[in-house]
Full PDB file with SEQRES, HELIX, SHEET, SSBOND, CRYST1, ORIGX, SCALE, CONECT and MASTER records, all heavy atoms in Angstrom:
SEQRES   1 A   39  MET ASP GLU THR LEU ALA ARG VAL VAL LEU ASP ILE SER          
SEQRES   2 A   39  GLY ARG PRO TYR LEU VAL TRP LYS VAL ARG PHE THR GLN          
SEQRES   3 A   39  GLU LYS LEU GLY GLU TRP ASP THR GLU LEU ILE GLU HIS          
HELIX    1 AA1 GLU A   35  GLU A   38  1                                   4    
SHEET    1 AA1 2 LYS A  28  LEU A  29  0                                        
SHEET    2 AA1 2 TRP A  32  ASP A  33 -1                                        
CRYST1    1.000    1.000    1.000  90.00  90.00  90.00 P 1           1          
ORIGX1      1.000000  0.000000  0.000000        0.00000                         
ORIGX2      0.000000  1.000000  0.000000        0.00000                         
ORIGX3      0.000000  0.000000  1.000000        0.00000                         
SCALE1      1.000000  0.000000  0.000000        0.00000                         
SCALE2      0.000000  1.000000  0.000000        0.00000                         
SCALE3      0.000000  0.000000  1.000000        0.00000                         
ATOM      1  N   MET A   1      -9.034  -3.044 -10.024  1.00  0.00           N  
ATOM      2  CA  MET A   1      -9.227  -4.526  -9.922  1.00  0.00           C  
ATOM      3  C   MET A   1     -10.572  -4.811  -9.349  1.00  0.00           C  
ATOM      4  O   MET A   1     -10.831  -4.611  -8.180  1.00  0.00           O  
ATOM      5  CB  MET A   1      -8.194  -5.163  -8.991  1.00  0.00           C  
ATOM      6  CG  MET A   1      -8.191  -6.617  -9.196  1.00  0.00           C  
ATOM      7  SD  MET A   1      -6.703  -7.543  -8.403  1.00  0.00           S  
ATOM      8  CE  MET A   1      -7.055  -9.110  -8.852  1.00  0.00           C  
ATOM      9  N   ASP A   2     -11.464  -5.169 -10.257  1.00  0.00           N  
ATOM     10  CA  ASP A   2     -12.926  -5.407  -9.893  1.00  0.00           C  
ATOM     11  C   ASP A   2     -13.406  -4.206  -9.187  1.00  0.00           C  
ATOM     12  O   ASP A   2     -13.469  -3.081  -9.784  1.00  0.00           O  
ATOM     13  CB  ASP A   2     -12.930  -6.697  -8.994  1.00  0.00           C  
ATOM     14  CG  ASP A   2     -12.638  -7.953  -9.825  1.00  0.00           C  
ATOM     15  OD1 ASP A   2     -12.482  -7.781 -11.066  1.00  0.00           O  
ATOM     16  OD2 ASP A   2     -12.641  -9.084  -9.240  1.00  0.00           O  
ATOM     17  N   GLU A   3     -13.817  -4.303  -7.899  1.00  0.00           N  
ATOM     18  CA  GLU A   3     -14.512  -3.202  -7.140  1.00  0.00           C  
ATOM     19  C   GLU A   3     -13.544  -2.151  -6.689  1.00  0.00           C  
ATOM     20  O   GLU A   3     -13.947  -1.091  -6.162  1.00  0.00           O  
ATOM     21  CB  GLU A   3     -15.405  -3.699  -6.079  1.00  0.00           C  
ATOM     22  CG  GLU A   3     -14.643  -3.938  -4.722  1.00  0.00           C  
ATOM     23  CD  GLU A   3     -13.525  -4.994  -4.651  1.00  0.00           C  
ATOM     24  OE1 GLU A   3     -13.421  -5.755  -5.638  1.00  0.00           O  
ATOM     25  OE2 GLU A   3     -12.660  -4.906  -3.864  1.00  0.00           O  
ATOM     26  N   THR A   4     -12.305  -2.325  -6.825  1.00  0.00           N  
ATOM     27  CA  THR A   4     -11.223  -1.514  -6.206  1.00  0.00           C  
ATOM     28  C   THR A   4     -10.572  -0.650  -7.279  1.00  0.00           C  
ATOM     29  O   THR A   4     -10.345  -1.050  -8.348  1.00  0.00           O  
ATOM     30  CB  THR A   4     -10.134  -2.469  -5.656  1.00  0.00           C  
ATOM     31  OG1 THR A   4     -10.699  -3.195  -4.504  1.00  0.00           O  
ATOM     32  CG2 THR A   4      -8.977  -1.683  -5.041  1.00  0.00           C  
ATOM     33  N   LEU A   5     -10.161   0.597  -6.778  1.00  0.00           N  
ATOM     34  CA  LEU A   5      -9.438   1.432  -7.598  1.00  0.00           C  
ATOM     35  C   LEU A   5      -8.335   2.093  -6.805  1.00  0.00           C  
ATOM     36  O   LEU A   5      -8.597   2.678  -5.704  1.00  0.00           O  
ATOM     37  CB  LEU A   5     -10.346   2.576  -8.224  1.00  0.00           C  
ATOM     38  CG  LEU A   5      -9.573   3.545  -9.245  1.00  0.00           C  
ATOM     39  CD1 LEU A   5      -8.971   2.848 -10.455  1.00  0.00           C  
ATOM     40  CD2 LEU A   5     -10.484   4.654  -9.676  1.00  0.00           C  
ATOM     41  N   ALA A   6      -7.095   1.884  -7.168  1.00  0.00           N  
ATOM     42  CA  ALA A   6      -5.979   2.507  -6.494  1.00  0.00           C  
ATOM     43  C   ALA A   6      -5.219   3.594  -7.340  1.00  0.00           C  
ATOM     44  O   ALA A   6      -5.232   3.350  -8.681  1.00  0.00           O  
ATOM     45  CB  ALA A   6      -4.934   1.487  -6.132  1.00  0.00           C  
ATOM     46  N   ARG A   7      -4.611   4.503  -6.712  1.00  0.00           N  
ATOM     47  CA  ARG A   7      -3.836   5.526  -7.468  1.00  0.00           C  
ATOM     48  C   ARG A   7      -2.436   5.567  -6.892  1.00  0.00           C  
ATOM     49  O   ARG A   7      -2.197   5.615  -5.699  1.00  0.00           O  
ATOM     50  CB  ARG A   7      -4.417   6.945  -7.395  1.00  0.00           C  
ATOM     51  CG  ARG A   7      -3.625   8.049  -8.043  1.00  0.00           C  
ATOM     52  CD  ARG A   7      -4.376   9.314  -8.053  1.00  0.00           C  
ATOM     53  NE  ARG A   7      -4.894   9.706  -6.781  1.00  0.00           N  
ATOM     54  CZ  ARG A   7      -6.097  10.520  -6.655  1.00  0.00           C  
ATOM     55  NH1 ARG A   7      -6.775  10.911  -7.667  1.00  0.00           N  
ATOM     56  NH2 ARG A   7      -6.471  10.853  -5.433  1.00  0.00           N  
ATOM     57  N   VAL A   8      -1.427   5.446  -7.775  1.00  0.00           N  
ATOM     58  CA  VAL A   8       0.014   5.589  -7.438  1.00  0.00           C  
ATOM     59  C   VAL A   8       0.634   6.634  -8.133  1.00  0.00           C  
ATOM     60  O   VAL A   8       0.656   6.602  -9.465  1.00  0.00           O  
ATOM     61  CB  VAL A   8       0.712   4.261  -7.544  1.00  0.00           C  
ATOM     62  CG1 VAL A   8       2.162   4.356  -7.148  1.00  0.00           C  
ATOM     63  CG2 VAL A   8       0.006   3.066  -6.787  1.00  0.00           C  
ATOM     64  N   VAL A   9       1.298   7.579  -7.509  1.00  0.00           N  
ATOM     65  CA  VAL A   9       2.053   8.718  -8.199  1.00  0.00           C  
ATOM     66  C   VAL A   9       3.351   8.760  -7.569  1.00  0.00           C  
ATOM     67  O   VAL A   9       3.580   8.639  -6.352  1.00  0.00           O  
ATOM     68  CB  VAL A   9       1.299  10.029  -7.991  1.00  0.00           C  
ATOM     69  CG1 VAL A   9       2.029  11.160  -8.703  1.00  0.00           C  
ATOM     70  CG2 VAL A   9      -0.268   9.851  -8.390  1.00  0.00           C  
ATOM     71  N   LEU A  10       4.475   8.832  -8.415  1.00  0.00           N  
ATOM     72  CA  LEU A  10       5.773   8.781  -7.801  1.00  0.00           C  
ATOM     73  C   LEU A  10       6.663   9.753  -8.617  1.00  0.00           C  
ATOM     74  O   LEU A  10       6.429  10.055  -9.743  1.00  0.00           O  
ATOM     75  CB  LEU A  10       6.270   7.353  -7.758  1.00  0.00           C  
ATOM     76  CG  LEU A  10       6.544   6.607  -9.141  1.00  0.00           C  
ATOM     77  CD1 LEU A  10       7.932   6.937  -9.707  1.00  0.00           C  
ATOM     78  CD2 LEU A  10       6.342   5.135  -8.724  1.00  0.00           C  
ATOM     79  N   ASP A  11       7.849  10.054  -7.952  1.00  0.00           N  
ATOM     80  CA  ASP A  11       8.889  10.909  -8.461  1.00  0.00           C  
ATOM     81  C   ASP A  11      10.203  10.175  -8.055  1.00  0.00           C  
ATOM     82  O   ASP A  11      10.430  10.000  -6.945  1.00  0.00           O  
ATOM     83  CB  ASP A  11       8.802  12.298  -7.883  1.00  0.00           C  
ATOM     84  CG  ASP A  11       9.929  13.265  -8.284  1.00  0.00           C  
ATOM     85  OD1 ASP A  11      10.783  12.795  -9.134  1.00  0.00           O  
ATOM     86  OD2 ASP A  11       9.984  14.327  -7.641  1.00  0.00           O  
ATOM     87  N   ILE A  12      11.077   9.810  -9.073  1.00  0.00           N  
ATOM     88  CA  ILE A  12      12.334   9.286  -8.624  1.00  0.00           C  
ATOM     89  C   ILE A  12      13.259  10.548  -8.453  1.00  0.00           C  
ATOM     90  O   ILE A  12      14.048  10.964  -9.164  1.00  0.00           O  
ATOM     91  CB  ILE A  12      13.025   8.494  -9.843  1.00  0.00           C  
ATOM     92  CG1 ILE A  12      11.898   7.349 -10.284  1.00  0.00           C  
ATOM     93  CG2 ILE A  12      14.312   7.842  -9.449  1.00  0.00           C  
ATOM     94  CD1 ILE A  12      12.370   6.635 -11.445  1.00  0.00           C  
ATOM     95  N   SER A  13      13.055  11.152  -7.234  1.00  0.00           N  
ATOM     96  CA  SER A  13      13.516  12.369  -6.892  1.00  0.00           C  
ATOM     97  C   SER A  13      14.831  12.312  -6.061  1.00  0.00           C  
ATOM     98  O   SER A  13      15.555  13.246  -6.039  1.00  0.00           O  
ATOM     99  CB  SER A  13      12.487  13.069  -5.897  1.00  0.00           C  
ATOM    100  OG  SER A  13      12.375  12.303  -4.700  1.00  0.00           O  
ATOM    101  N   GLY A  14      15.158  11.065  -5.608  1.00  0.00           N  
ATOM    102  CA  GLY A  14      16.311  10.993  -4.708  1.00  0.00           C  
ATOM    103  C   GLY A  14      15.989  11.393  -3.282  1.00  0.00           C  
ATOM    104  O   GLY A  14      16.852  11.401  -2.413  1.00  0.00           O  
ATOM    105  N   ARG A  15      14.787  11.739  -3.112  1.00  0.00           N  
ATOM    106  CA  ARG A  15      14.301  12.200  -1.618  1.00  0.00           C  
ATOM    107  C   ARG A  15      13.164  11.242  -1.262  1.00  0.00           C  
ATOM    108  O   ARG A  15      11.957  11.376  -1.546  1.00  0.00           O  
ATOM    109  CB  ARG A  15      13.833  13.675  -1.724  1.00  0.00           C  
ATOM    110  CG  ARG A  15      14.898  14.630  -2.133  1.00  0.00           C  
ATOM    111  CD  ARG A  15      14.344  16.116  -2.044  1.00  0.00           C  
ATOM    112  NE  ARG A  15      13.144  16.386  -2.765  1.00  0.00           N  
ATOM    113  CZ  ARG A  15      13.106  16.615  -4.074  1.00  0.00           C  
ATOM    114  NH1 ARG A  15      14.290  16.489  -4.825  1.00  0.00           N  
ATOM    115  NH2 ARG A  15      12.085  16.711  -4.743  1.00  0.00           N  
ATOM    116  N   PRO A  16      13.529  10.274  -0.457  1.00  0.00           N  
ATOM    117  CA  PRO A  16      12.492   9.290  -0.113  1.00  0.00           C  
ATOM    118  C   PRO A  16      11.463   9.875   0.853  1.00  0.00           C  
ATOM    119  O   PRO A  16      11.657  10.569   1.807  1.00  0.00           O  
ATOM    120  CB  PRO A  16      13.467   8.221   0.837  1.00  0.00           C  
ATOM    121  CG  PRO A  16      14.778   8.525   0.412  1.00  0.00           C  
ATOM    122  CD  PRO A  16      14.969   9.980   0.129  1.00  0.00           C  
ATOM    123  N   TYR A  17      10.112   9.551   0.445  1.00  0.00           N  
ATOM    124  CA  TYR A  17       9.011   9.970   1.237  1.00  0.00           C  
ATOM    125  C   TYR A  17       7.896   9.121   0.723  1.00  0.00           C  
ATOM    126  O   TYR A  17       7.655   8.896  -0.408  1.00  0.00           O  
ATOM    127  CB  TYR A  17       8.701  11.406   0.851  1.00  0.00           C  
ATOM    128  CG  TYR A  17       7.828  12.033   2.045  1.00  0.00           C  
ATOM    129  CD1 TYR A  17       8.500  12.749   3.039  1.00  0.00           C  
ATOM    130  CD2 TYR A  17       6.527  12.037   1.926  1.00  0.00           C  
ATOM    131  CE1 TYR A  17       7.687  13.304   4.017  1.00  0.00           C  
ATOM    132  CE2 TYR A  17       5.684  12.609   2.916  1.00  0.00           C  
ATOM    133  CZ  TYR A  17       6.309  13.160   4.009  1.00  0.00           C  
ATOM    134  OH  TYR A  17       5.514  13.731   4.953  1.00  0.00           O  
ATOM    135  N   LEU A  18       7.081   8.612   1.700  1.00  0.00           N  
ATOM    136  CA  LEU A  18       5.936   7.816   1.456  1.00  0.00           C  
ATOM    137  C   LEU A  18       4.693   8.509   2.048  1.00  0.00           C  
ATOM    138  O   LEU A  18       4.652   8.681   3.269  1.00  0.00           O  
ATOM    139  CB  LEU A  18       6.149   6.396   1.930  1.00  0.00           C  
ATOM    140  CG  LEU A  18       4.869   5.462   1.818  1.00  0.00           C  
ATOM    141  CD1 LEU A  18       4.528   5.181   0.404  1.00  0.00           C  
ATOM    142  CD2 LEU A  18       4.973   4.178   2.673  1.00  0.00           C  
ATOM    143  N   VAL A  19       3.670   8.677   1.175  1.00  0.00           N  
ATOM    144  CA  VAL A  19       2.286   8.997   1.708  1.00  0.00           C  
ATOM    145  C   VAL A  19       1.485   7.752   1.428  1.00  0.00           C  
ATOM    146  O   VAL A  19       1.406   7.335   0.234  1.00  0.00           O  
ATOM    147  CB  VAL A  19       1.789  10.218   0.957  1.00  0.00           C  
ATOM    148  CG1 VAL A  19       0.331  10.426   1.459  1.00  0.00           C  
ATOM    149  CG2 VAL A  19       2.700  11.392   1.298  1.00  0.00           C  
ATOM    150  N   TRP A  20       0.921   7.196   2.430  1.00  0.00           N  
ATOM    151  CA  TRP A  20       0.218   5.914   2.301  1.00  0.00           C  
ATOM    152  C   TRP A  20      -1.266   6.095   2.948  1.00  0.00           C  
ATOM    153  O   TRP A  20      -1.475   6.397   4.042  1.00  0.00           O  
ATOM    154  CB  TRP A  20       0.860   4.825   3.283  1.00  0.00           C  
ATOM    155  CG  TRP A  20       0.321   3.473   3.203  1.00  0.00           C  
ATOM    156  CD1 TRP A  20      -0.621   2.948   4.203  1.00  0.00           C  
ATOM    157  CD2 TRP A  20       0.469   2.507   2.280  1.00  0.00           C  
ATOM    158  NE1 TRP A  20      -0.834   1.711   3.910  1.00  0.00           N  
ATOM    159  CE2 TRP A  20      -0.337   1.325   2.702  1.00  0.00           C  
ATOM    160  CE3 TRP A  20       1.182   2.470   1.076  1.00  0.00           C  
ATOM    161  CZ2 TRP A  20      -0.229   0.169   1.963  1.00  0.00           C  
ATOM    162  CZ3 TRP A  20       1.170   1.261   0.388  1.00  0.00           C  
ATOM    163  CH2 TRP A  20       0.373   0.178   0.757  1.00  0.00           C  
ATOM    164  N   LYS A  21      -2.209   5.911   1.961  1.00  0.00           N  
ATOM    165  CA  LYS A  21      -3.608   6.155   2.322  1.00  0.00           C  
ATOM    166  C   LYS A  21      -4.321   4.891   1.767  1.00  0.00           C  
ATOM    167  O   LYS A  21      -5.213   4.868   0.815  1.00  0.00           O  
ATOM    168  CB  LYS A  21      -4.202   7.342   1.742  1.00  0.00           C  
ATOM    169  CG  LYS A  21      -3.509   8.672   2.262  1.00  0.00           C  
ATOM    170  CD  LYS A  21      -4.209   9.921   1.919  1.00  0.00           C  
ATOM    171  CE  LYS A  21      -3.537  11.029   2.607  1.00  0.00           C  
ATOM    172  NZ  LYS A  21      -4.301  12.315   2.221  1.00  0.00           N  
ATOM    173  N   VAL A  22      -4.057   3.764   2.482  1.00  0.00           N  
ATOM    174  CA  VAL A  22      -4.662   2.474   2.110  1.00  0.00           C  
ATOM    175  C   VAL A  22      -4.970   1.787   3.419  1.00  0.00           C  
ATOM    176  O   VAL A  22      -4.343   1.844   4.418  1.00  0.00           O  
ATOM    177  CB  VAL A  22      -3.580   1.542   1.344  1.00  0.00           C  
ATOM    178  CG1 VAL A  22      -4.141   0.172   1.073  1.00  0.00           C  
ATOM    179  CG2 VAL A  22      -3.064   2.251   0.112  1.00  0.00           C  
ATOM    180  N   ARG A  23      -6.173   1.163   3.319  1.00  0.00           N  
ATOM    181  CA  ARG A  23      -6.744   0.492   4.656  1.00  0.00           C  
ATOM    182  C   ARG A  23      -7.096  -0.915   4.251  1.00  0.00           C  
ATOM    183  O   ARG A  23      -7.898  -1.175   3.389  1.00  0.00           O  
ATOM    184  CB  ARG A  23      -7.953   1.306   5.149  1.00  0.00           C  
ATOM    185  CG  ARG A  23      -8.550   0.756   6.341  1.00  0.00           C  
ATOM    186  CD  ARG A  23      -9.684   1.790   6.829  1.00  0.00           C  
ATOM    187  NE  ARG A  23     -10.430   1.131   7.913  1.00  0.00           N  
ATOM    188  CZ  ARG A  23     -11.564   0.428   7.612  1.00  0.00           C  
ATOM    189  NH1 ARG A  23     -12.003   0.202   6.421  1.00  0.00           N  
ATOM    190  NH2 ARG A  23     -12.234  -0.190   8.704  1.00  0.00           N  
ATOM    191  N   PHE A  24      -6.447  -1.834   5.102  1.00  0.00           N  
ATOM    192  CA  PHE A  24      -6.900  -3.237   5.067  1.00  0.00           C  
ATOM    193  C   PHE A  24      -7.768  -3.622   6.325  1.00  0.00           C  
ATOM    194  O   PHE A  24      -7.555  -3.005   7.397  1.00  0.00           O  
ATOM    195  CB  PHE A  24      -5.607  -4.076   5.116  1.00  0.00           C  
ATOM    196  CG  PHE A  24      -4.783  -3.921   3.785  1.00  0.00           C  
ATOM    197  CD1 PHE A  24      -3.646  -3.193   3.876  1.00  0.00           C  
ATOM    198  CD2 PHE A  24      -5.133  -4.575   2.655  1.00  0.00           C  
ATOM    199  CE1 PHE A  24      -2.825  -3.014   2.802  1.00  0.00           C  
ATOM    200  CE2 PHE A  24      -4.355  -4.370   1.448  1.00  0.00           C  
ATOM    201  CZ  PHE A  24      -3.276  -3.568   1.531  1.00  0.00           C  
ATOM    202  N   THR A  25      -8.655  -4.513   6.063  1.00  0.00           N  
ATOM    203  CA  THR A  25      -9.655  -4.942   7.097  1.00  0.00           C  
ATOM    204  C   THR A  25      -9.468  -6.250   7.576  1.00  0.00           C  
ATOM    205  O   THR A  25     -10.233  -6.781   8.376  1.00  0.00           O  
ATOM    206  CB  THR A  25     -11.094  -4.672   6.592  1.00  0.00           C  
ATOM    207  OG1 THR A  25     -11.258  -5.502   5.523  1.00  0.00           O  
ATOM    208  CG2 THR A  25     -11.368  -3.226   6.180  1.00  0.00           C  
ATOM    209  N   GLN A  26      -8.353  -6.960   7.084  1.00  0.00           N  
ATOM    210  CA  GLN A  26      -8.033  -8.248   7.670  1.00  0.00           C  
ATOM    211  C   GLN A  26      -6.576  -8.289   8.012  1.00  0.00           C  
ATOM    212  O   GLN A  26      -5.771  -7.532   7.458  1.00  0.00           O  
ATOM    213  CB  GLN A  26      -8.497  -9.368   6.647  1.00  0.00           C  
ATOM    214  CG  GLN A  26      -7.740  -9.313   5.459  1.00  0.00           C  
ATOM    215  CD  GLN A  26      -8.371 -10.243   4.435  1.00  0.00           C  
ATOM    216  OE1 GLN A  26      -9.575 -10.305   4.121  1.00  0.00           O  
ATOM    217  NE2 GLN A  26      -7.624 -11.321   3.854  1.00  0.00           N  
ATOM    218  N   GLU A  27      -6.174  -9.191   8.875  1.00  0.00           N  
ATOM    219  CA  GLU A  27      -4.738  -9.156   9.375  1.00  0.00           C  
ATOM    220  C   GLU A  27      -3.829  -9.867   8.415  1.00  0.00           C  
ATOM    221  O   GLU A  27      -2.642  -9.649   8.451  1.00  0.00           O  
ATOM    222  CB  GLU A  27      -4.783  -9.927  10.704  1.00  0.00           C  
ATOM    223  CG  GLU A  27      -5.472  -9.169  11.797  1.00  0.00           C  
ATOM    224  CD  GLU A  27      -5.292  -9.737  13.125  1.00  0.00           C  
ATOM    225  OE1 GLU A  27      -4.680 -10.874  13.092  1.00  0.00           O  
ATOM    226  OE2 GLU A  27      -5.786  -9.264  14.121  1.00  0.00           O  
ATOM    227  N   LYS A  28      -4.331 -10.728   7.541  1.00  0.00           N  
ATOM    228  CA  LYS A  28      -3.319 -11.563   6.673  1.00  0.00           C  
ATOM    229  C   LYS A  28      -4.003 -11.680   5.265  1.00  0.00           C  
ATOM    230  O   LYS A  28      -5.179 -11.717   5.169  1.00  0.00           O  
ATOM    231  CB  LYS A  28      -3.156 -12.963   7.264  1.00  0.00           C  
ATOM    232  CG  LYS A  28      -2.253 -12.904   8.511  1.00  0.00           C  
ATOM    233  CD  LYS A  28      -1.999 -14.354   9.068  1.00  0.00           C  
ATOM    234  CE  LYS A  28      -1.139 -14.408  10.238  1.00  0.00           C  
ATOM    235  NZ  LYS A  28       0.267 -13.872   9.927  1.00  0.00           N  
ATOM    236  N   LEU A  29      -3.080 -11.722   4.304  1.00  0.00           N  
ATOM    237  CA  LEU A  29      -3.412 -12.060   2.956  1.00  0.00           C  
ATOM    238  C   LEU A  29      -2.517 -13.319   2.704  1.00  0.00           C  
ATOM    239  O   LEU A  29      -1.208 -13.242   2.681  1.00  0.00           O  
ATOM    240  CB  LEU A  29      -3.066 -10.980   1.964  1.00  0.00           C  
ATOM    241  CG  LEU A  29      -4.048  -9.854   1.897  1.00  0.00           C  
ATOM    242  CD1 LEU A  29      -3.556  -8.746   1.119  1.00  0.00           C  
ATOM    243  CD2 LEU A  29      -5.310 -10.257   1.386  1.00  0.00           C  
ATOM    244  N   GLY A  30      -3.147 -14.443   2.521  1.00  0.00           N  
ATOM    245  CA  GLY A  30      -2.397 -15.737   2.520  1.00  0.00           C  
ATOM    246  C   GLY A  30      -1.668 -15.787   3.992  1.00  0.00           C  
ATOM    247  O   GLY A  30      -2.387 -15.608   5.000  1.00  0.00           O  
ATOM    248  N   GLU A  31      -0.399 -15.921   3.957  1.00  0.00           N  
ATOM    249  CA  GLU A  31       0.279 -15.866   5.374  1.00  0.00           C  
ATOM    250  C   GLU A  31       0.932 -14.650   5.546  1.00  0.00           C  
ATOM    251  O   GLU A  31       1.647 -14.399   6.603  1.00  0.00           O  
ATOM    252  CB  GLU A  31       1.308 -17.058   5.392  1.00  0.00           C  
ATOM    253  CG  GLU A  31       2.572 -16.897   4.559  1.00  0.00           C  
ATOM    254  CD  GLU A  31       2.372 -17.295   3.031  1.00  0.00           C  
ATOM    255  OE1 GLU A  31       1.266 -17.296   2.590  1.00  0.00           O  
ATOM    256  OE2 GLU A  31       3.376 -17.595   2.442  1.00  0.00           O  
ATOM    257  N   TRP A  32       0.823 -13.600   4.678  1.00  0.00           N  
ATOM    258  CA  TRP A  32       1.463 -12.341   4.817  1.00  0.00           C  
ATOM    259  C   TRP A  32       0.637 -11.309   5.693  1.00  0.00           C  
ATOM    260  O   TRP A  32      -0.427 -11.145   5.440  1.00  0.00           O  
ATOM    261  CB  TRP A  32       1.757 -11.831   3.446  1.00  0.00           C  
ATOM    262  CG  TRP A  32       2.788 -10.587   3.457  1.00  0.00           C  
ATOM    263  CD1 TRP A  32       3.854 -10.415   4.220  1.00  0.00           C  
ATOM    264  CD2 TRP A  32       2.795  -9.586   2.341  1.00  0.00           C  
ATOM    265  NE1 TRP A  32       4.610  -9.435   3.817  1.00  0.00           N  
ATOM    266  CE2 TRP A  32       4.001  -8.859   2.640  1.00  0.00           C  
ATOM    267  CE3 TRP A  32       2.094  -9.287   1.296  1.00  0.00           C  
ATOM    268  CZ2 TRP A  32       4.389  -7.649   1.932  1.00  0.00           C  
ATOM    269  CZ3 TRP A  32       2.419  -8.180   0.506  1.00  0.00           C  
ATOM    270  CH2 TRP A  32       3.628  -7.405   0.845  1.00  0.00           C  
ATOM    271  N   ASP A  33       1.331 -10.736   6.696  1.00  0.00           N  
ATOM    272  CA  ASP A  33       0.683  -9.850   7.584  1.00  0.00           C  
ATOM    273  C   ASP A  33       0.420  -8.508   6.781  1.00  0.00           C  
ATOM    274  O   ASP A  33       1.419  -7.911   6.322  1.00  0.00           O  
ATOM    275  CB  ASP A  33       1.626  -9.491   8.875  1.00  0.00           C  
ATOM    276  CG  ASP A  33       1.803 -10.782   9.701  1.00  0.00           C  
ATOM    277  OD1 ASP A  33       0.908 -11.576   9.699  1.00  0.00           O  
ATOM    278  OD2 ASP A  33       2.949 -10.815  10.246  1.00  0.00           O  
ATOM    279  N   THR A  34      -0.781  -8.075   6.795  1.00  0.00           N  
ATOM    280  CA  THR A  34      -1.125  -6.862   6.008  1.00  0.00           C  
ATOM    281  C   THR A  34      -0.433  -5.675   6.563  1.00  0.00           C  
ATOM    282  O   THR A  34      -0.256  -4.729   5.819  1.00  0.00           O  
ATOM    283  CB  THR A  34      -2.647  -6.722   5.953  1.00  0.00           C  
ATOM    284  OG1 THR A  34      -3.259  -6.716   7.172  1.00  0.00           O  
ATOM    285  CG2 THR A  34      -3.307  -7.770   4.955  1.00  0.00           C  
ATOM    286  N   GLU A  35      -0.163  -5.647   7.848  1.00  0.00           N  
ATOM    287  CA  GLU A  35       0.429  -4.374   8.346  1.00  0.00           C  
ATOM    288  C   GLU A  35       1.905  -4.278   7.754  1.00  0.00           C  
ATOM    289  O   GLU A  35       2.498  -3.171   7.936  1.00  0.00           O  
ATOM    290  CB  GLU A  35       0.562  -4.427   9.866  1.00  0.00           C  
ATOM    291  CG  GLU A  35       1.635  -5.469  10.352  1.00  0.00           C  
ATOM    292  CD  GLU A  35       1.813  -5.426  11.879  1.00  0.00           C  
ATOM    293  OE1 GLU A  35       1.158  -4.564  12.578  1.00  0.00           O  
ATOM    294  OE2 GLU A  35       2.745  -6.039  12.406  1.00  0.00           O  
ATOM    295  N   LEU A  36       2.446  -5.234   7.231  1.00  0.00           N  
ATOM    296  CA  LEU A  36       3.827  -5.129   6.560  1.00  0.00           C  
ATOM    297  C   LEU A  36       3.835  -4.557   5.090  1.00  0.00           C  
ATOM    298  O   LEU A  36       4.821  -4.228   4.645  1.00  0.00           O  
ATOM    299  CB  LEU A  36       4.436  -6.578   6.510  1.00  0.00           C  
ATOM    300  CG  LEU A  36       4.713  -7.142   7.924  1.00  0.00           C  
ATOM    301  CD1 LEU A  36       5.287  -8.697   7.790  1.00  0.00           C  
ATOM    302  CD2 LEU A  36       5.782  -6.365   8.655  1.00  0.00           C  
ATOM    303  N   ILE A  37       2.633  -4.487   4.570  1.00  0.00           N  
ATOM    304  CA  ILE A  37       2.541  -3.928   3.209  1.00  0.00           C  
ATOM    305  C   ILE A  37       3.101  -2.576   3.078  1.00  0.00           C  
ATOM    306  O   ILE A  37       3.838  -2.135   2.232  1.00  0.00           O  
ATOM    307  CB  ILE A  37       1.182  -4.126   2.577  1.00  0.00           C  
ATOM    308  CG1 ILE A  37       0.819  -5.690   2.517  1.00  0.00           C  
ATOM    309  CG2 ILE A  37       1.021  -3.534   1.167  1.00  0.00           C  
ATOM    310  CD1 ILE A  37      -0.657  -6.050   2.243  1.00  0.00           C  
ATOM    311  N   GLU A  38       2.535  -1.671   3.998  1.00  0.00           N  
ATOM    312  CA  GLU A  38       2.998  -0.278   4.040  1.00  0.00           C  
ATOM    313  C   GLU A  38       4.451  -0.226   4.240  1.00  0.00           C  
ATOM    314  O   GLU A  38       5.213   0.485   3.681  1.00  0.00           O  
ATOM    315  CB  GLU A  38       2.321   0.398   5.182  1.00  0.00           C  
ATOM    316  CG  GLU A  38       2.726   1.942   5.253  1.00  0.00           C  
ATOM    317  CD  GLU A  38       2.010   2.650   6.361  1.00  0.00           C  
ATOM    318  OE1 GLU A  38       1.073   2.205   7.078  1.00  0.00           O  
ATOM    319  OE2 GLU A  38       2.284   3.862   6.493  1.00  0.00           O  
ATOM    320  N   HIS A  39       4.979  -1.094   5.157  1.00  0.00           N  
ATOM    321  CA  HIS A  39       6.380  -1.196   5.490  1.00  0.00           C  
ATOM    322  C   HIS A  39       7.206  -1.487   4.262  1.00  0.00           C  
ATOM    323  O   HIS A  39       8.292  -1.027   4.084  1.00  0.00           O  
ATOM    324  CB  HIS A  39       6.696  -2.127   6.624  1.00  0.00           C  
ATOM    325  CG  HIS A  39       8.031  -1.908   7.246  1.00  0.00           C  
ATOM    326  ND1 HIS A  39       8.521  -0.710   7.724  1.00  0.00           N  
ATOM    327  CD2 HIS A  39       8.985  -2.792   7.361  1.00  0.00           C  
ATOM    328  CE1 HIS A  39       9.700  -0.965   8.122  1.00  0.00           C  
ATOM    329  NE2 HIS A  39      10.080  -2.226   7.945  1.00  0.00           N  
TER     330      HIS A  39                                                      
MASTER        0    0    0    1    2    0    0    6  329    1    0    3          
END                                                                             
């Protein structure tokens, strides 16, 4: 998306696991707290 490039890889494994390597530099997008996106 414009200057940004993200990569998402997943396996519907039945074994939940998240590896998150994303960094936000502001606290909100609209009214949504960016710390909640990973959650």
